[in-house]
Amino acid sequence: MKISKLLSETLTLVLAGGQGERLYPLTKYRAKPAVPFGGEYRIIDFTLSNCVNSGLKRIYVLTQYMSHSLDRHLKLGWNIFSSALDEFLYAIPPQFRRGYQSYLGTADAVFQNLHILQAERPARALILSGDHIYKMDYSEMIEAHVSSGAVATIATVECDRSTACRMGVLQVDSENRVIDFEEKPENPKTLPGRPDCSLVNMGIYVFETDLLVKLLHEDSQRETAHDFGRNILPELVTGGRVFAYPFHDENRKEVKYWRDIGTLDSYYDASMDLVQVDPLLNLYDTSFLIRSFIEPRPPAKLVFAGGGDGRMGMAVDSLLCHGCIISGGRVERSILSPDVHIHSFSLVEDSILFARVEIGRNAKIRRAVIDEDVKIPPGSCVGYDREADAKRFTVTESGVVVIPRWDQIE
C-alpha cells in the first residue's frame, strides 16, 4: 500500500492537556506543552514538526489545563494547513463526557473525544504526547505497523536502567512482538545481555481504530486509572498482536536523542544540550526543520559599554534570539529568548532566560531559569547562595534556581 494512502487513513491525536506539576512554576500560567524551549520554540513544536515532516496533516490537539497560551501559539504559529486539501490542526478542549470531570488519564482523554474518531472514521489513530523533545518520522512507524499486521504498535527507545523506573518498560521477542509491558516498575527488566539498559515506552502509539474504540469503552466502565501505560497496554499485550517500533532518530547524531521533559531538572538539562560546542539536539538540519511561531523582531545586538572600564557585549557558546541586546555584559552557555536585555557589566552563566527578561547592571546570574517579563535589579546575585535563593525562589534538587513569570525581584 502506498505511504500516501496510509497517511490519509491515519488521524493524529496529540495529548497536550498535562498539568505539568513537576515543571511548576513554569506551568503556573501555561500548559506544559506551551513551555518555551530553545528560545524560539515551545515544547509542543517538536511533536507537531514531526507530524508535518512525516506528511501527517490531520491533527487534533487535546488540551486541558491553562490552555490559553497554547491555543494562541497554535493559532499564530501553526496556521499552515489547507482545508481544501483536507488538512487541519484543531485544538479541542475537554468535552466533559463524564459530567464536569477533567481527564482522568491519557486513555480517558481520548475516550472523552471518541466523537472525533466516529466522525472522521480513520482506519487507525496515531496518539502522541505533546511534551517530549525528539525528531522522528512517524510515517515509517505507521508503515511498519500495517506491514506487521499489529493491532497496536508502541514506539520504543533504549535507556539507562536507572531511569527506566519512571517509564513503561517493555520486553519483546525476536520479531519485536511485545511479550511484557510494565508501567514504572521498581525493578525494571533489562535487554538480553545488557544489564544496564532497558527498553522503554516513548508515549507514541498506533492503534487500529475499531480496537481502540472497543478498548476505551471497556476501560471507561471499570475503576482504573484510565491510562494507556497503566491499563490499556499491559492488558492488550497479554491477548493481542502488539508490536514495538524501535525509535529511528532523525536527529542524525551518534546517540539517539529523546527527552521526556518531566521535571525542572530534566528541562534544564535538555536545554543545556543546545549550548554545547556540538549540540546534542540538531536544530540546524534544514532537511528536518522544527517549526514555530516567530514574531517579527529586530536582530540580536552586542553593544560596547562606554566609559573608562567599558567592555564589549559578549556571548560565548550561547543561543541568542531576535531582539536580544547584550550591552556590555557577558553571557556564557546560556539561552536568551526574544527581547532579552543584558545590561552593562552583568554576567549570565549556564542559564535560560525567557522572553523580555531584563538583567540589571552588575547583576550575576548562574544556573537559573527565569520566566517571562522578570526584571533582575542592578547588583543582584542569583545562583550563588542556595540557601538565600531557596527563601525567595524554587530551587531544584540539582541546584537550579527557577524564577516565575512576572516576579518582581527586590
Protein backbone atom coordinates (compact mmCIF):
# COMPACT_ATOMS: atom_id res chain seq x y z
CA MET A 1 0.00 0.00 0.00
CA LYS A 2 1.33 3.46 -0.87
CA ILE A 3 2.52 5.50 2.08
CA SER A 4 0.35 8.45 0.97
CA LYS A 5 -2.77 6.29 1.36
CA LEU A 6 -1.62 5.04 4.77
CA LEU A 7 -1.16 8.62 5.94
CA SER A 8 -4.55 9.72 4.60
CA GLU A 9 -6.16 6.87 6.56
CA THR A 10 -4.47 7.93 9.81
CA LEU A 11 -5.78 10.53 12.25
CA THR A 12 -3.36 12.13 14.71
CA LEU A 13 -4.31 12.92 18.31
CA VAL A 14 -1.81 14.94 20.36
CA LEU A 15 -2.28 14.74 24.13
CA ALA A 16 -1.46 18.25 25.33
CA GLY A 17 -3.51 18.57 28.50
CA GLY A 18 -0.96 17.62 31.14
CA GLN A 19 -0.92 19.88 34.19
CA GLY A 20 2.86 19.66 34.45
CA GLU A 21 3.00 19.87 38.24
CA ARG A 22 6.68 18.85 38.31
CA LEU A 23 7.50 21.75 35.97
CA TYR A 24 5.92 24.29 38.31
CA PRO A 25 6.35 27.32 38.43
CA LEU A 26 6.98 27.28 34.66
CA THR A 27 3.45 25.83 34.33
CA LYS A 28 1.86 28.35 36.68
CA TYR A 29 0.35 30.30 33.77
CA ARG A 30 0.68 27.89 30.84
CA ALA A 31 0.17 24.26 29.84
CA LYS A 32 3.24 22.05 29.91
CA PRO A 33 3.43 21.70 26.08
CA ALA A 34 3.42 25.51 25.83
CA VAL A 35 6.54 25.96 27.97
CA PRO A 36 9.25 27.74 25.91
CA PHE A 37 12.21 25.64 24.83
CA GLY A 38 15.35 26.60 22.95
CA GLY A 39 14.50 30.29 22.88
CA GLU A 40 12.22 30.42 19.83
CA TYR A 41 10.19 27.25 20.36
CA ARG A 42 7.53 25.70 22.59
CA ILE A 43 7.82 22.07 23.67
CA ILE A 44 4.85 21.04 21.52
CA ASP A 45 6.58 22.38 18.38
CA PHE A 46 8.73 19.25 18.24
CA THR A 47 5.78 16.85 18.13
CA LEU A 48 3.92 19.00 15.60
CA SER A 49 7.01 19.45 13.43
CA ASN A 50 7.45 15.67 13.43
CA CYS A 51 3.87 15.37 12.17
CA VAL A 52 4.36 17.85 9.33
CA ASN A 53 7.73 16.38 8.37
CA SER A 54 6.06 12.95 8.30
CA GLY A 55 3.29 14.11 5.96
CA LEU A 56 0.61 13.93 8.69
CA LYS A 57 -1.63 16.99 8.43
CA ARG A 58 -4.90 15.88 10.02
CA ILE A 59 -4.27 16.68 13.66
CA TYR A 60 -6.36 17.19 16.79
CA VAL A 61 -4.61 18.65 19.85
CA LEU A 62 -6.42 17.68 23.06
CA THR A 63 -5.92 20.49 25.58
CA GLN A 64 -7.00 20.93 29.19
CA TYR A 65 -5.11 22.97 31.83
CA MET A 66 -4.09 26.61 31.32
CA SER A 67 -4.64 26.29 27.58
CA HIS A 68 -4.78 29.99 26.60
CA SER A 69 -1.06 30.31 25.88
CA LEU A 70 -1.06 27.03 23.95
CA ASP A 71 -4.18 27.94 21.95
CA ARG A 72 -2.66 31.29 21.00
CA HIS A 73 0.58 29.67 19.91
CA LEU A 74 -1.24 27.09 17.77
CA LYS A 75 -3.35 29.74 16.03
CA LEU A 76 -0.41 32.04 15.33
CA GLY A 77 2.32 29.53 14.62
CA TRP A 78 0.55 26.55 13.10
CA ASN A 79 -1.90 28.16 10.70
CA ILE A 80 -0.21 26.36 7.80
CA PHE A 81 -2.84 23.79 6.81
CA SER A 82 -5.09 23.81 3.74
CA SER A 83 -8.71 22.85 4.36
CA ALA A 84 -9.12 22.40 0.59
CA LEU A 85 -6.63 19.51 0.85
CA ASP A 86 -8.35 18.07 3.96
CA GLU A 87 -5.54 19.37 6.17
CA PHE A 88 -6.24 20.76 9.63
CA LEU A 89 -4.99 21.31 13.15
CA TYR A 90 -7.73 21.80 15.72
CA ALA A 91 -7.30 22.42 19.45
CA ILE A 92 -10.04 20.57 21.32
CA PRO A 93 -10.85 21.43 24.97
CA PRO A 94 -12.33 18.83 27.34
CA GLN A 95 -15.78 17.68 26.24
CA PHE A 96 -16.88 16.69 29.78
CA ARG A 97 -18.40 13.38 28.77
CA ARG A 98 -18.07 12.42 32.44
CA GLY A 99 -20.01 15.46 33.61
CA TYR A 100 -17.72 18.20 34.86
CA GLN A 101 -14.80 15.87 35.43
CA SER A 102 -11.50 16.66 33.74
CA TYR A 103 -9.40 14.00 32.02
CA LEU A 104 -8.52 11.23 34.46
CA GLY A 105 -5.67 9.80 32.37
CA THR A 106 -4.31 9.56 28.85
CA ALA A 107 -6.85 6.93 27.81
CA ASP A 108 -9.70 8.96 29.28
CA ALA A 109 -8.56 11.99 27.26
CA VAL A 110 -9.08 10.01 24.06
CA PHE A 111 -12.28 8.39 25.35
CA GLN A 112 -13.85 11.78 26.02
CA ASN A 113 -13.13 12.69 22.39
CA LEU A 114 -14.33 9.47 20.74
CA HIS A 115 -16.81 11.52 18.72
CA ILE A 116 -13.81 12.70 16.68
CA LEU A 117 -12.94 9.14 15.64
CA GLN A 118 -16.59 8.40 14.97
CA ALA A 119 -16.90 11.48 12.74
CA GLU A 120 -13.59 11.08 10.88
CA ARG A 121 -13.67 7.24 10.67
CA PRO A 122 -9.91 6.76 10.17
CA ALA A 123 -8.51 3.27 9.72
CA ARG A 124 -6.05 3.94 12.52
CA ALA A 125 -5.12 6.57 15.09
CA LEU A 126 -1.66 7.90 15.90
CA ILE A 127 -1.57 9.01 19.54
CA LEU A 128 1.26 11.33 20.60
CA SER A 129 2.44 13.16 23.68
CA GLY A 130 2.91 16.91 23.36
CA ASP A 131 5.71 17.23 25.90
CA HIS A 132 8.70 15.27 24.59
CA ILE A 133 11.74 16.56 22.68
CA TYR A 134 12.88 14.43 19.72
CA LYS A 135 12.87 14.22 15.90
CA MET A 136 11.04 11.31 14.28
CA ASP A 137 9.34 10.38 11.01
CA TYR A 138 6.04 8.84 12.11
CA SER A 139 5.24 7.61 8.59
CA GLU A 140 7.86 4.88 8.95
CA MET A 141 6.22 3.68 12.16
CA ILE A 142 2.78 3.65 10.54
CA GLU A 143 4.14 1.65 7.61
CA ALA A 144 5.76 -0.86 9.98
CA HIS A 145 2.51 -1.13 11.95
CA VAL A 146 0.48 -2.01 8.88
CA SER A 147 3.11 -4.39 7.49
CA SER A 148 3.28 -6.35 10.75
CA GLY A 149 -0.48 -6.81 11.00
CA ALA A 150 -0.38 -5.35 14.51
CA VAL A 151 -3.48 -4.17 16.34
CA ALA A 152 -1.30 -1.70 18.19
CA THR A 153 2.30 -0.51 17.88
CA ILE A 154 4.38 1.20 20.56
CA ALA A 155 7.44 3.32 19.75
CA THR A 156 10.35 2.35 21.98
CA VAL A 157 13.79 3.62 22.84
CA GLU A 158 16.64 2.15 24.84
CA CYS A 159 17.53 3.97 28.05
CA ASP A 160 19.62 3.55 31.16
CA ARG A 161 18.01 1.14 33.63
CA SER A 162 18.39 3.69 36.44
CA THR A 163 15.85 5.99 34.76
CA ALA A 164 13.57 3.28 33.33
CA CYS A 165 11.66 3.05 36.61
CA ARG A 166 9.94 6.32 35.68
CA MET A 167 8.59 4.92 32.39
CA GLY A 168 6.82 1.97 30.86
CA VAL A 169 9.24 -0.93 30.33
CA LEU A 170 8.78 -3.50 27.58
CA GLN A 171 10.15 -6.88 26.64
CA VAL A 172 9.98 -8.08 23.05
CA ASP A 173 10.70 -11.27 21.11
CA SER A 174 12.94 -11.65 18.05
CA GLU A 175 10.19 -10.21 15.80
CA ASN A 176 9.61 -7.15 18.03
CA ARG A 177 6.33 -8.54 19.31
CA VAL A 178 5.70 -7.17 22.81
CA ILE A 179 5.56 -10.01 25.31
CA ASP A 180 5.59 -7.96 28.51
CA PHE A 181 4.72 -4.38 29.48
CA GLU A 182 5.09 -2.92 32.96
CA GLU A 183 4.43 0.70 33.88
CA LYS A 184 7.01 2.39 36.14
CA PRO A 185 8.38 -0.83 37.68
CA GLU A 186 10.52 -0.66 40.81
CA ASN A 187 12.86 -3.27 39.30
CA PRO A 188 12.95 -2.64 35.51
CA LYS A 189 13.67 -5.60 33.28
CA THR A 190 16.67 -5.23 31.01
CA LEU A 191 17.64 -6.11 27.46
CA PRO A 192 19.27 -9.53 26.88
CA GLY A 193 22.99 -9.29 27.53
CA ARG A 194 22.72 -5.64 28.56
CA PRO A 195 22.07 -5.48 32.31
CA ASP A 196 22.26 -1.69 32.45
CA CYS A 197 19.80 -0.97 29.63
CA SER A 198 16.01 -1.21 29.37
CA LEU A 199 13.54 -0.80 26.52
CA VAL A 200 11.01 1.92 27.36
CA ASN A 201 7.76 3.33 26.04
CA MET A 202 8.07 6.70 24.23
CA GLY A 203 4.37 7.53 24.57
CA ILE A 204 3.81 7.14 20.81
CA TYR A 205 1.11 4.69 19.74
CA VAL A 206 -0.60 3.49 16.57
CA PHE A 207 -3.94 1.77 17.13
CA GLU A 208 -6.41 0.22 14.75
CA THR A 209 -9.44 2.45 15.29
CA ASP A 210 -12.08 -0.23 15.82
CA LEU A 211 -9.99 -1.90 18.52
CA LEU A 212 -9.15 1.42 20.17
CA VAL A 213 -12.81 2.39 20.46
CA LYS A 214 -13.64 -1.01 21.96
CA LEU A 215 -10.80 -0.84 24.49
CA LEU A 216 -11.67 2.68 25.61
CA HIS A 217 -15.35 1.84 26.07
CA GLU A 218 -14.45 -1.21 28.18
CA ASP A 219 -11.96 0.76 30.25
CA SER A 220 -14.50 3.53 30.89
CA GLN A 221 -16.77 1.03 32.64
CA ARG A 222 -14.13 -0.05 35.15
CA GLU A 223 -12.44 1.52 38.13
CA THR A 224 -8.97 2.09 36.68
CA ALA A 225 -6.51 4.95 36.20
CA HIS A 226 -7.86 5.20 32.62
CA ASP A 227 -4.31 5.41 31.33
CA PHE A 228 -2.66 3.80 28.31
CA GLY A 229 0.50 2.86 30.17
CA ARG A 230 -1.12 1.63 33.37
CA ASN A 231 -4.19 -0.10 31.98
CA ILE A 232 -4.76 -0.35 28.24
CA LEU A 233 -1.37 -1.58 27.03
CA PRO A 234 -0.50 -4.13 29.77
CA GLU A 235 -3.85 -5.86 29.27
CA LEU A 236 -3.66 -5.72 25.48
CA VAL A 237 -0.18 -7.25 25.40
CA THR A 238 -1.43 -10.47 27.03
CA GLY A 239 -4.01 -11.16 24.33
CA GLY A 240 -3.26 -9.19 21.19
CA ARG A 241 -0.78 -8.55 18.42
CA VAL A 242 1.14 -5.63 19.91
CA PHE A 243 4.48 -4.76 18.34
CA ALA A 244 7.32 -2.47 19.33
CA TYR A 245 8.77 0.00 16.85
CA PRO A 246 12.44 0.85 17.56
CA PHE A 247 12.97 4.60 17.52
CA HIS A 248 14.56 5.79 14.26
CA ASP A 249 16.13 9.13 15.12
CA GLU A 250 16.02 11.95 12.55
CA ASN A 251 18.42 13.99 14.68
CA ARG A 252 21.30 12.32 12.81
CA LYS A 253 23.70 12.08 15.72
CA GLU A 254 25.73 9.16 17.01
CA VAL A 255 23.49 8.78 20.09
CA LYS A 256 19.71 8.79 19.72
CA TYR A 257 18.05 11.89 21.17
CA TRP A 258 14.73 11.63 23.04
CA ARG A 259 13.96 13.60 26.17
CA ASP A 260 10.95 13.33 28.45
CA ILE A 261 10.60 16.85 29.89
CA GLY A 262 9.06 15.68 33.13
CA THR A 263 10.85 17.75 35.77
CA LEU A 264 12.56 21.11 36.13
CA ASP A 265 15.95 19.41 36.19
CA SER A 266 15.23 17.39 33.03
CA TYR A 267 14.00 20.58 31.35
CA TYR A 268 17.19 22.38 32.32
CA ASP A 269 19.43 19.51 31.22
CA ALA A 270 17.70 19.25 27.83
CA SER A 271 18.05 23.00 27.35
CA MET A 272 21.77 22.84 28.13
CA ASP A 273 22.10 20.18 25.41
CA LEU A 274 21.58 23.03 22.94
CA VAL A 275 24.55 25.15 24.01
CA GLN A 276 27.29 22.56 23.80
CA VAL A 277 30.00 23.13 21.21
CA ASP A 278 28.48 20.20 19.33
CA PRO A 279 24.81 20.38 20.39
CA LEU A 280 23.20 17.01 21.14
CA LEU A 281 19.97 18.23 19.53
CA ASN A 282 20.49 19.37 15.94
CA LEU A 283 18.27 22.39 15.24
CA TYR A 284 20.23 23.36 12.14
CA ASP A 285 19.30 20.47 9.84
CA THR A 286 17.19 22.10 7.11
CA SER A 287 16.01 18.71 5.84
CA PHE A 288 14.06 18.16 9.08
CA LEU A 289 13.13 21.60 10.36
CA ILE A 290 11.49 22.35 13.68
CA ARG A 291 8.81 24.95 13.07
CA SER A 292 7.36 27.55 15.41
CA PHE A 293 5.74 30.98 15.55
CA ILE A 294 8.34 33.73 15.39
CA GLU A 295 7.13 37.33 15.67
CA PRO A 296 8.86 39.98 13.54
CA ARG A 297 11.71 41.43 15.63
CA PRO A 298 14.99 43.22 15.03
CA PRO A 299 18.21 41.18 15.02
CA ALA A 300 20.17 40.47 18.20
CA LYS A 301 22.72 43.16 19.10
CA LEU A 302 26.01 43.23 21.01
CA VAL A 303 26.80 46.71 22.36
CA PHE A 304 30.02 48.21 23.72
CA ALA A 305 29.56 49.72 27.19
CA GLY A 306 31.46 53.02 27.15
CA GLY A 307 33.46 54.66 29.91
CA GLY A 308 36.85 54.04 31.45
CA ASP A 309 36.04 50.44 32.36
CA GLY A 310 33.80 49.78 29.37
CA ARG A 311 33.78 46.43 27.58
CA MET A 312 32.19 44.77 24.60
CA GLY A 313 28.95 42.85 24.99
CA MET A 314 29.88 39.20 24.60
CA ALA A 315 28.13 35.85 24.20
CA VAL A 316 30.03 32.55 24.31
CA ASP A 317 28.52 29.13 23.42
CA SER A 318 25.01 30.56 23.70
CA LEU A 319 21.76 30.85 21.73
CA LEU A 320 20.59 34.42 21.08
CA CYS A 321 17.12 35.04 19.68
CA HIS A 322 15.86 38.03 17.76
CA GLY A 323 15.53 41.28 19.67
CA CYS A 324 18.17 40.45 22.30
CA ILE A 325 20.55 43.22 23.39
CA ILE A 326 23.75 42.49 25.29
CA SER A 327 25.01 45.90 26.34
CA GLY A 328 28.48 45.42 27.78
CA GLY A 329 27.52 42.27 29.69
CA ARG A 330 28.82 38.73 29.26
CA VAL A 331 26.75 35.64 28.51
CA GLU A 332 28.17 32.12 28.65
CA ARG A 333 26.50 28.77 27.84
CA SER A 334 23.03 30.26 28.05
CA ILE A 335 19.80 30.59 26.06
CA LEU A 336 18.38 34.08 25.57
CA SER A 337 14.79 34.13 24.31
CA PRO A 338 13.41 37.04 22.24
CA ASP A 339 13.80 40.59 23.55
CA VAL A 340 16.08 39.79 26.48
CA HIS A 341 18.18 42.75 27.61
CA ILE A 342 21.52 42.24 29.39
CA HIS A 343 22.84 45.49 30.89
CA SER A 344 26.44 46.59 31.35
CA PHE A 345 28.93 44.63 33.45
CA SER A 346 26.45 41.84 34.23
CA LEU A 347 27.28 38.14 33.95
CA VAL A 348 24.90 35.34 32.90
CA GLU A 349 26.18 31.76 33.01
CA ASP A 350 24.52 28.39 32.30
CA SER A 351 21.06 29.92 32.36
CA ILE A 352 17.80 30.07 30.40
CA LEU A 353 16.14 33.47 30.10
CA PHE A 354 12.61 33.60 28.70
CA ALA A 355 11.18 36.44 26.62
CA ARG A 356 11.62 40.05 27.77
CA VAL A 357 13.76 39.24 30.79
CA GLU A 358 15.95 42.17 31.82
CA ILE A 359 19.22 41.69 33.72
CA GLY A 360 20.30 44.87 35.52
CA ARG A 361 23.72 46.42 35.57
CA ASN A 362 26.37 44.47 37.55
CA ALA A 363 23.97 41.57 38.22
CA LYS A 364 25.28 37.99 38.33
CA ILE A 365 23.13 35.03 37.25
CA ARG A 366 24.25 31.39 37.35
CA ARG A 367 22.33 28.11 36.72
CA ALA A 368 18.92 29.77 36.60
CA VAL A 369 15.69 29.55 34.62
CA ILE A 370 14.00 32.97 34.56
CA ASP A 371 10.46 33.17 33.19
CA GLU A 372 8.98 35.91 31.01
CA ASP A 373 8.99 39.63 31.91
CA VAL A 374 11.12 39.28 35.04
CA LYS A 375 13.41 42.21 35.78
CA ILE A 376 16.54 41.45 37.80
CA PRO A 377 17.64 44.64 39.64
CA PRO A 378 21.17 46.02 39.30
CA GLY A 379 23.74 44.32 41.51
CA SER A 380 21.59 41.23 42.21
CA CYS A 381 23.05 37.74 42.58
CA VAL A 382 21.10 34.60 41.65
CA GLY A 383 22.55 31.11 41.80
CA TYR A 384 25.46 31.81 44.14
CA ASP A 385 23.86 31.20 47.55
CA ARG A 386 21.49 28.23 47.52
CA GLU A 387 20.09 28.91 50.98
CA ALA A 388 19.32 32.53 50.19
CA ASP A 389 17.82 31.64 46.81
CA ALA A 390 15.58 28.98 48.34
CA LYS A 391 13.98 31.60 50.60
CA ARG A 392 12.74 33.53 47.56
CA PHE A 393 12.52 31.11 44.65
CA THR A 394 12.14 27.47 43.63
CA VAL A 395 15.46 25.64 43.76
CA THR A 396 15.62 22.19 42.20
CA GLU A 397 17.35 19.12 43.57
CA SER A 398 20.40 19.82 41.41
CA GLY A 399 20.51 23.47 42.49
CA VAL A 400 18.87 25.20 39.50
CA VAL A 401 17.07 28.41 40.53
CA VAL A 402 13.66 28.95 38.89
CA ILE A 403 12.12 32.43 38.99
CA PRO A 404 8.44 32.56 37.96
CA ARG A 405 6.81 34.82 35.42
CA TRP A 406 6.22 38.46 36.28
CA ASP A 407 8.04 38.08 39.60
CA GLN A 408 9.31 41.40 40.86
CA ILE A 409 12.77 40.91 42.36
CA GLU A 410 13.92 43.28 45.09
